[in-house]
Every structure is written in C-alpha cells, then in structure tokens.
Amino acid sequence: MTINCINNTTSIFDFGDILIQGNAVTSSTGDLIIATDGSNDIQFRNNSDLLLNMTFDGNLTLPKQPAFLVYKSSDSTNQTGAGAQITINFDTEVFDQSSNFASGTTFTAPVTGMYLFSMLVSFSSLSSSMDVGKLRLVTSNRTYIFELDAFNTVAIGANGGIIGSVIADMDAADTATVTLTIEDGAGNTATISGSTSMITSFSGYLVA
C-alpha cells in the first residue's frame, strides 16, 4: 500500500491551483505552492511571493508578516508643555516588513488581528512646574495611556522618558500613532529627544 506517494521524488504534483514540488523551487505558477528548496527548507508561496519558510532545523520565518521598527533621529525643541498633545514623528526606519508604517507617524493594520506595540519617548528641558507626562498609543479602537510624574522623576533640564507596551486589537485599515503630553508649565517648552541610539522609538508586529 502506498502511504506517501510524493516521498523521494523530484516530480511536480499540480492539483489545479495547488502545486507541490520537491528538491528545488523551479516554478512560480499556482495560487499555493508547497515546496522544498535546494537547502531542504519547506516553503509556502503565493505565486512568486514567499509567505513562509521553515528550515531543516525547524526555524520559521514569515517574510510578509507585518513588523516595523522606527525611531526619531534628532531633537525637536519646544514641543509640549501646558497639556499640549504632540504626535511623535519617527523619521528613521530600521525595518518595515510589509510596508505598513508611513509618513513618520502612522502604522496601518493590513489585516484584523492582535498587534504587539512597544514605545519609548524621551524628553528634556522640563521646567519646575511641569508635573505629569503622558505617553499615548492612539489606535482606531481605543487609546492606551502610560503616565509618570515627570518632574519628580528627572531633574530640571535633564533627560527623562516614558516606556510602554501593549497588545492591541485592530481591525483591517485601523491606524496607530504615538503621542506625548507634558502637563502644566508655561507653554510648549519641553523637547522631544531623538538620537541614533533610538532613545525615542516605536515598534510593532502582528502576533495573532
């Protein structure tokens, strides 16, 4: 009795839109391709696009899975204070797999799911009357707030920062941005700090 008819074969099995191929990937036809490449990796493809790759040792990568890391490369002075809420502009991309982060500010969910986001925003030039800092992840469904007593945490004029992470539910086409508010103080005098050391950064990826 034949249990596995495709074992140890180099032939291509083509069932309509499903293509199963062994040993080497030589075709990009069909809507779903299950194949092993020359290194014995198992691959799932949609035509020529690689969707999943699993190595012989079981290491799995998802080249189309939404994932990004961005940061602010330099300081922006006179941004917040007296309760002004400022949307952070992350001007440098480390990576943006699947190209879902745009305009330095906004991640747009390509599909409905659960997304893990991590944020760090650093600031300086605080006055003695600036008392509360609020870091917000603003999504289409809800806003997540991370708060600290800014003045009691850092000395006047020194660097401080707020960090936060959350798994957020998002629908397809929902957006996520990061904002900072420093309350009280006379006007917008606090600086949002930036550096190639990524002291102000934003990252996220689809987890489920």
C-alpha atoms as a PDB file:
ATOM      1  CA  MET A   1       0.000   0.000   0.000  1.00  0.00           C
ATOM      2  CA  THR A   2       1.352   3.421  -0.943  1.00  0.00           C
ATOM      3  CA  ILE A   3       1.262   5.745   2.075  1.00  0.00           C
ATOM      4  CA  ASN A   4       3.306   8.701   0.773  1.00  0.00           C
ATOM      5  CA  CYS A   5       3.290   8.989  -2.975  1.00  0.00           C
ATOM      6  CA  ILE A   6       5.454  12.127  -3.086  1.00  0.00           C
ATOM      7  CA  ASN A   7       8.306  10.852  -0.903  1.00  0.00           C
ATOM      8  CA  ASN A   8      11.743  10.958  -2.534  1.00  0.00           C
ATOM      9  CA  THR A   9      10.539  12.328  -5.816  1.00  0.00           C
ATOM     10  CA  THR A  10      11.581  15.320  -7.893  1.00  0.00           C
ATOM     11  CA  SER A  11       8.314  15.422  -9.797  1.00  0.00           C
ATOM     12  CA  ILE A  12       5.855  18.281  -9.527  1.00  0.00           C
ATOM     13  CA  PHE A  13       2.327  17.492  -8.389  1.00  0.00           C
ATOM     14  CA  ASP A  14      -0.127  20.093  -9.681  1.00  0.00           C
ATOM     15  CA  PHE A  15      -3.739  19.944  -8.449  1.00  0.00           C
ATOM     16  CA  GLY A  16      -5.447  22.909 -10.072  1.00  0.00           C
ATOM     17  CA  ASP A  17      -4.321  25.910  -8.016  1.00  0.00           C
ATOM     18  CA  ILE A  18      -2.210  23.845  -5.580  1.00  0.00           C
ATOM     19  CA  LEU A  19       1.354  22.888  -6.549  1.00  0.00           C
ATOM     20  CA  ILE A  20       3.570  20.561  -4.502  1.00  0.00           C
ATOM     21  CA  GLN A  21       7.226  20.443  -5.513  1.00  0.00           C
ATOM     22  CA  GLY A  22      10.305  18.718  -4.114  1.00  0.00           C
ATOM     23  CA  ASN A  23      14.082  19.315  -4.022  1.00  0.00           C
ATOM     24  CA  ALA A  24      14.213  22.633  -5.903  1.00  0.00           C
ATOM     25  CA  VAL A  25      11.848  25.533  -6.496  1.00  0.00           C
ATOM     26  CA  THR A  26      11.706  25.929 -10.255  1.00  0.00           C
ATOM     27  CA  SER A  27       8.124  27.072 -10.817  1.00  0.00           C
ATOM     28  CA  SER A  28       6.094  30.027  -9.578  1.00  0.00           C
ATOM     29  CA  THR A  29       2.713  29.004 -11.012  1.00  0.00           C
ATOM     30  CA  GLY A  30      -0.360  28.197  -8.958  1.00  0.00           C
ATOM     31  CA  ASP A  31      -2.065  30.028  -6.128  1.00  0.00           C
ATOM     32  CA  LEU A  32      -0.450  27.912  -3.387  1.00  0.00           C
ATOM     33  CA  ILE A  33       2.955  26.257  -3.604  1.00  0.00           C
ATOM     34  CA  ILE A  34       4.313  23.811  -1.033  1.00  0.00           C
ATOM     35  CA  ALA A  35       7.950  23.145  -1.838  1.00  0.00           C
ATOM     36  CA  THR A  36      11.424  22.396  -0.570  1.00  0.00           C
ATOM     37  CA  ASP A  37      14.329  24.407  -1.890  1.00  0.00           C
ATOM     38  CA  GLY A  38      17.913  23.302  -2.510  1.00  0.00           C
ATOM     39  CA  SER A  39      18.679  23.623   1.233  1.00  0.00           C
ATOM     40  CA  ASN A  40      15.754  21.365   2.244  1.00  0.00           C
ATOM     41  CA  ASP A  41      13.747  24.340   3.511  1.00  0.00           C
ATOM     42  CA  ILE A  42       9.961  23.949   3.409  1.00  0.00           C
ATOM     43  CA  GLN A  43       8.297  26.895   1.734  1.00  0.00           C
ATOM     44  CA  PHE A  44       4.770  28.186   1.238  1.00  0.00           C
ATOM     45  CA  ARG A  45       4.405  30.548  -1.706  1.00  0.00           C
ATOM     46  CA  ASN A  46       1.654  32.507  -3.380  1.00  0.00           C
ATOM     47  CA  ASN A  47       2.884  32.520  -6.949  1.00  0.00           C
ATOM     48  CA  SER A  48       6.394  34.021  -6.661  1.00  0.00           C
ATOM     49  CA  ASP A  49       5.873  35.550  -3.191  1.00  0.00           C
ATOM     50  CA  LEU A  50       7.449  33.646  -0.276  1.00  0.00           C
ATOM     51  CA  LEU A  51       4.912  33.551   2.579  1.00  0.00           C
ATOM     52  CA  LEU A  52       6.579  31.103   4.982  1.00  0.00           C
ATOM     53  CA  ASN A  53       9.992  29.468   5.166  1.00  0.00           C
ATOM     54  CA  MET A  54      10.921  26.708   7.621  1.00  0.00           C
ATOM     55  CA  THR A  55      14.498  25.440   7.693  1.00  0.00           C
ATOM     56  CA  PHE A  56      15.544  21.826   8.055  1.00  0.00           C
ATOM     57  CA  ASP A  57      16.176  22.604  11.761  1.00  0.00           C
ATOM     58  CA  GLY A  58      12.650  23.985  12.257  1.00  0.00           C
ATOM     59  CA  ASN A  59      13.435  27.731  12.283  1.00  0.00           C
ATOM     60  CA  LEU A  60      10.397  29.565  10.934  1.00  0.00           C
ATOM     61  CA  THR A  61      10.273  32.958   9.199  1.00  0.00           C
ATOM     62  CA  LEU A  62       7.284  34.854   7.805  1.00  0.00           C
ATOM     63  CA  PRO A  63       8.644  37.379   5.278  1.00  0.00           C
ATOM     64  CA  LYS A  64       5.249  39.030   4.732  1.00  0.00           C
ATOM     65  CA  GLN A  65       4.259  39.276   8.416  1.00  0.00           C
ATOM     66  CA  PRO A  66       3.707  42.956   9.386  1.00  0.00           C
ATOM     67  CA  ALA A  67       6.615  44.145  11.569  1.00  0.00           C
ATOM     68  CA  PHE A  68       8.351  47.507  11.951  1.00  0.00           C
ATOM     69  CA  LEU A  69      10.909  49.445  13.999  1.00  0.00           C
ATOM     70  CA  VAL A  70      11.273  53.222  13.654  1.00  0.00           C
ATOM     71  CA  TYR A  71      12.960  55.933  15.696  1.00  0.00           C
ATOM     72  CA  LYS A  72      13.452  59.688  15.995  1.00  0.00           C
ATOM     73  CA  SER A  73      16.971  60.650  14.952  1.00  0.00           C
ATOM     74  CA  SER A  74      17.262  64.183  16.401  1.00  0.00           C
ATOM     75  CA  ASP A  75      15.738  66.518  18.988  1.00  0.00           C
ATOM     76  CA  SER A  76      12.596  68.568  18.376  1.00  0.00           C
ATOM     77  CA  THR A  77      12.538  71.600  20.677  1.00  0.00           C
ATOM     78  CA  ASN A  78       9.533  73.487  22.090  1.00  0.00           C
ATOM     79  CA  GLN A  79       7.090  70.639  21.504  1.00  0.00           C
ATOM     80  CA  THR A  80       4.917  70.170  24.573  1.00  0.00           C
ATOM     81  CA  GLY A  81       4.019  71.609  27.947  1.00  0.00           C
ATOM     82  CA  ALA A  82       0.845  73.112  29.391  1.00  0.00           C
ATOM     83  CA  GLY A  83      -1.025  69.976  28.279  1.00  0.00           C
ATOM     84  CA  ALA A  84      -0.211  70.081  24.554  1.00  0.00           C
ATOM     85  CA  GLN A  85      -0.508  66.635  22.943  1.00  0.00           C
ATOM     86  CA  ILE A  86       2.136  66.119  20.255  1.00  0.00           C
ATOM     87  CA  THR A  87       2.181  63.272  17.718  1.00  0.00           C
ATOM     88  CA  ILE A  88       5.710  61.880  17.537  1.00  0.00           C
ATOM     89  CA  ASN A  89       7.422  61.900  14.147  1.00  0.00           C
ATOM     90  CA  PHE A  90       9.721  58.882  13.842  1.00  0.00           C
ATOM     91  CA  ASP A  91      11.853  59.937  10.902  1.00  0.00           C
ATOM     92  CA  THR A  92      14.051  56.842  10.505  1.00  0.00           C
ATOM     93  CA  GLU A  93      13.005  53.289   9.656  1.00  0.00           C
ATOM     94  CA  VAL A  94      15.178  50.356  10.747  1.00  0.00           C
ATOM     95  CA  PHE A  95      12.796  47.965   9.018  1.00  0.00           C
ATOM     96  CA  ASP A  96       9.193  47.981   7.825  1.00  0.00           C
ATOM     97  CA  GLN A  97       8.318  44.479   6.725  1.00  0.00           C
ATOM     98  CA  SER A  98       5.213  44.544   4.523  1.00  0.00           C
ATOM     99  CA  SER A  99       5.375  48.387   4.320  1.00  0.00           C
ATOM    100  CA  ASN A 100       2.616  49.328   6.781  1.00  0.00           C
ATOM    101  CA  PHE A 101       4.294  52.317   8.508  1.00  0.00           C
ATOM    102  CA  ALA A 102       4.056  55.675   6.716  1.00  0.00           C
ATOM    103  CA  SER A 103       4.624  59.433   6.983  1.00  0.00           C
ATOM    104  CA  GLY A 104       6.856  59.068  10.059  1.00  0.00           C
ATOM    105  CA  THR A 105       3.836  58.772  12.331  1.00  0.00           C
ATOM    106  CA  THR A 106       1.311  56.093  11.397  1.00  0.00           C
ATOM    107  CA  PHE A 107       1.079  52.303  11.361  1.00  0.00           C
ATOM    108  CA  THR A 108      -1.906  50.961   9.416  1.00  0.00           C
ATOM    109  CA  ALA A 109      -3.077  47.420  10.148  1.00  0.00           C
ATOM    110  CA  PRO A 110      -3.238  45.375   6.930  1.00  0.00           C
ATOM    111  CA  VAL A 111      -5.480  42.704   8.495  1.00  0.00           C
ATOM    112  CA  THR A 112      -7.683  42.300  11.551  1.00  0.00           C
ATOM    113  CA  GLY A 113      -5.729  40.833  14.459  1.00  0.00           C
ATOM    114  CA  MET A 114      -3.785  41.363  17.679  1.00  0.00           C
ATOM    115  CA  TYR A 115      -0.684  43.565  17.411  1.00  0.00           C
ATOM    116  CA  LEU A 116       2.118  43.973  19.945  1.00  0.00           C
ATOM    117  CA  PHE A 117       3.401  47.558  20.159  1.00  0.00           C
ATOM    118  CA  SER A 118       6.355  48.922  22.145  1.00  0.00           C
ATOM    119  CA  MET A 119       7.085  52.627  22.610  1.00  0.00           C
ATOM    120  CA  LEU A 120       9.824  54.715  24.206  1.00  0.00           C
ATOM    121  CA  VAL A 121       9.714  58.511  24.166  1.00  0.00           C
ATOM    122  CA  SER A 122      12.474  60.571  25.786  1.00  0.00           C
ATOM    123  CA  PHE A 123      12.234  64.272  26.620  1.00  0.00           C
ATOM    124  CA  SER A 124      14.210  67.118  28.199  1.00  0.00           C
ATOM    125  CA  SER A 125      14.096  70.860  29.000  1.00  0.00           C
ATOM    126  CA  LEU A 126      11.465  70.461  31.706  1.00  0.00           C
ATOM    127  CA  SER A 127      10.523  73.391  33.894  1.00  0.00           C
ATOM    128  CA  SER A 128       9.839  73.058  37.613  1.00  0.00           C
ATOM    129  CA  SER A 129       6.078  73.367  37.082  1.00  0.00           C
ATOM    130  CA  MET A 130       5.839  70.521  34.572  1.00  0.00           C
ATOM    131  CA  ASP A 131       4.441  67.708  36.663  1.00  0.00           C
ATOM    132  CA  VAL A 132       2.836  64.875  34.637  1.00  0.00           C
ATOM    133  CA  GLY A 133       3.932  63.181  31.428  1.00  0.00           C
ATOM    134  CA  LYS A 134       1.559  61.024  29.378  1.00  0.00           C
ATOM    135  CA  LEU A 135       2.637  58.701  26.584  1.00  0.00           C
ATOM    136  CA  ARG A 136      -0.285  57.538  24.462  1.00  0.00           C
ATOM    137  CA  LEU A 137      -0.721  54.836  21.844  1.00  0.00           C
ATOM    138  CA  VAL A 138      -3.693  56.137  19.874  1.00  0.00           C
ATOM    139  CA  THR A 139      -5.476  53.453  17.837  1.00  0.00           C
ATOM    140  CA  SER A 140      -8.760  53.484  15.967  1.00  0.00           C
ATOM    141  CA  ASN A 141     -10.403  51.254  18.582  1.00  0.00           C
ATOM    142  CA  ARG A 142      -9.048  52.843  21.785  1.00  0.00           C
ATOM    143  CA  THR A 143      -6.220  54.859  23.366  1.00  0.00           C
ATOM    144  CA  TYR A 144      -3.655  53.362  25.776  1.00  0.00           C
ATOM    145  CA  ILE A 145      -2.064  55.779  28.288  1.00  0.00           C
ATOM    146  CA  PHE A 146       1.256  55.394  30.138  1.00  0.00           C
ATOM    147  CA  GLU A 147       1.777  58.079  32.763  1.00  0.00           C
ATOM    148  CA  LEU A 148       4.500  59.279  35.119  1.00  0.00           C
ATOM    149  CA  ASP A 149       5.221  62.264  37.313  1.00  0.00           C
ATOM    150  CA  ALA A 150       7.771  63.825  35.003  1.00  0.00           C
ATOM    151  CA  PHE A 151       9.216  66.487  37.285  1.00  0.00           C
ATOM    152  CA  ASN A 152       9.674  64.165  40.245  1.00  0.00           C
ATOM    153  CA  THR A 153      11.318  61.555  38.013  1.00  0.00           C
ATOM    154  CA  VAL A 154      14.002  63.717  36.376  1.00  0.00           C
ATOM    155  CA  ALA A 155      15.911  66.854  37.304  1.00  0.00           C
ATOM    156  CA  ILE A 156      15.066  70.139  35.618  1.00  0.00           C
ATOM    157  CA  GLY A 157      16.579  70.194  32.125  1.00  0.00           C
ATOM    158  CA  ALA A 158      17.741  66.561  32.288  1.00  0.00           C
ATOM    159  CA  ASN A 159      16.565  63.704  30.093  1.00  0.00           C
ATOM    160  CA  GLY A 160      13.547  61.661  31.106  1.00  0.00           C
ATOM    161  CA  GLY A 161      11.409  59.140  29.328  1.00  0.00           C
ATOM    162  CA  ILE A 162       8.276  57.022  29.318  1.00  0.00           C
ATOM    163  CA  ILE A 163       8.114  53.463  28.025  1.00  0.00           C
ATOM    164  CA  GLY A 164       5.090  51.303  27.324  1.00  0.00           C
ATOM    165  CA  SER A 165       3.945  48.158  25.543  1.00  0.00           C
ATOM    166  CA  VAL A 166       0.552  46.652  24.841  1.00  0.00           C
ATOM    167  CA  ILE A 167      -1.176  44.018  22.732  1.00  0.00           C
ATOM    168  CA  ALA A 168      -3.840  45.959  20.855  1.00  0.00           C
ATOM    169  CA  ASP A 169      -6.821  44.667  18.915  1.00  0.00           C
ATOM    170  CA  MET A 170      -7.001  46.226  15.487  1.00  0.00           C
ATOM    171  CA  ASP A 171      -9.277  45.878  12.507  1.00  0.00           C
ATOM    172  CA  ALA A 172      -8.025  45.998   8.943  1.00  0.00           C
ATOM    173  CA  ALA A 173      -7.175  49.629   7.980  1.00  0.00           C
ATOM    174  CA  ASP A 174      -7.094  50.781  11.634  1.00  0.00           C
ATOM    175  CA  THR A 175      -4.236  53.130  12.490  1.00  0.00           C
ATOM    176  CA  ALA A 176      -1.847  53.539  15.431  1.00  0.00           C
ATOM    177  CA  THR A 177       0.185  56.632  16.371  1.00  0.00           C
ATOM    178  CA  VAL A 178       2.238  57.667  19.416  1.00  0.00           C
ATOM    179  CA  THR A 179       1.741  60.988  21.234  1.00  0.00           C
ATOM    180  CA  LEU A 180       3.363  62.746  24.204  1.00  0.00           C
ATOM    181  CA  THR A 181       1.842  65.262  26.594  1.00  0.00           C
ATOM    182  CA  ILE A 182       3.715  67.142  29.334  1.00  0.00           C
ATOM    183  CA  GLU A 183       1.198  68.890  31.549  1.00  0.00           C
ATOM    184  CA  ASP A 184       1.486  72.272  33.238  1.00  0.00           C
ATOM    185  CA  GLY A 185       4.401  74.614  32.704  1.00  0.00           C
ATOM    186  CA  ALA A 186       4.395  77.858  30.748  1.00  0.00           C
ATOM    187  CA  GLY A 187       3.783  76.989  27.114  1.00  0.00           C
ATOM    188  CA  ASN A 188       5.355  74.380  24.864  1.00  0.00           C
ATOM    189  CA  THR A 189       8.960  74.372  26.040  1.00  0.00           C
ATOM    190  CA  ALA A 190       9.756  70.662  26.536  1.00  0.00           C
ATOM    191  CA  THR A 191      11.976  68.938  23.975  1.00  0.00           C
ATOM    192  CA  ILE A 192      11.213  65.544  22.473  1.00  0.00           C
ATOM    193  CA  SER A 193      14.626  63.900  22.307  1.00  0.00           C
ATOM    194  CA  GLY A 194      15.996  61.959  19.375  1.00  0.00           C
ATOM    195  CA  SER A 195      19.219  60.114  18.621  1.00  0.00           C
ATOM    196  CA  THR A 196      20.651  57.303  16.513  1.00  0.00           C
ATOM    197  CA  SER A 197      20.770  55.425  19.849  1.00  0.00           C
ATOM    198  CA  MET A 198      16.976  55.139  19.452  1.00  0.00           C
ATOM    199  CA  ILE A 199      16.075  56.890  22.711  1.00  0.00           C
ATOM    200  CA  THR A 200      12.699  57.629  21.099  1.00  0.00           C
ATOM    201  CA  SER A 201      11.372  54.622  19.184  1.00  0.00           C
ATOM    202  CA  PHE A 202       8.242  52.752  18.120  1.00  0.00           C
ATOM    203  CA  SER A 203       7.941  49.110  17.074  1.00  0.00           C
ATOM    204  CA  GLY A 204       5.227  46.538  16.497  1.00  0.00           C
ATOM    205  CA  TYR A 205       4.215  43.306  14.817  1.00  0.00           C
ATOM    206  CA  LEU A 206       1.205  41.086  14.235  1.00  0.00           C
ATOM    207  CA  VAL A 207       1.064  38.305  16.826  1.00  0.00           C
ATOM    208  CA  ALA A 208      -2.323  36.678  16.190  1.00  0.00           C
END
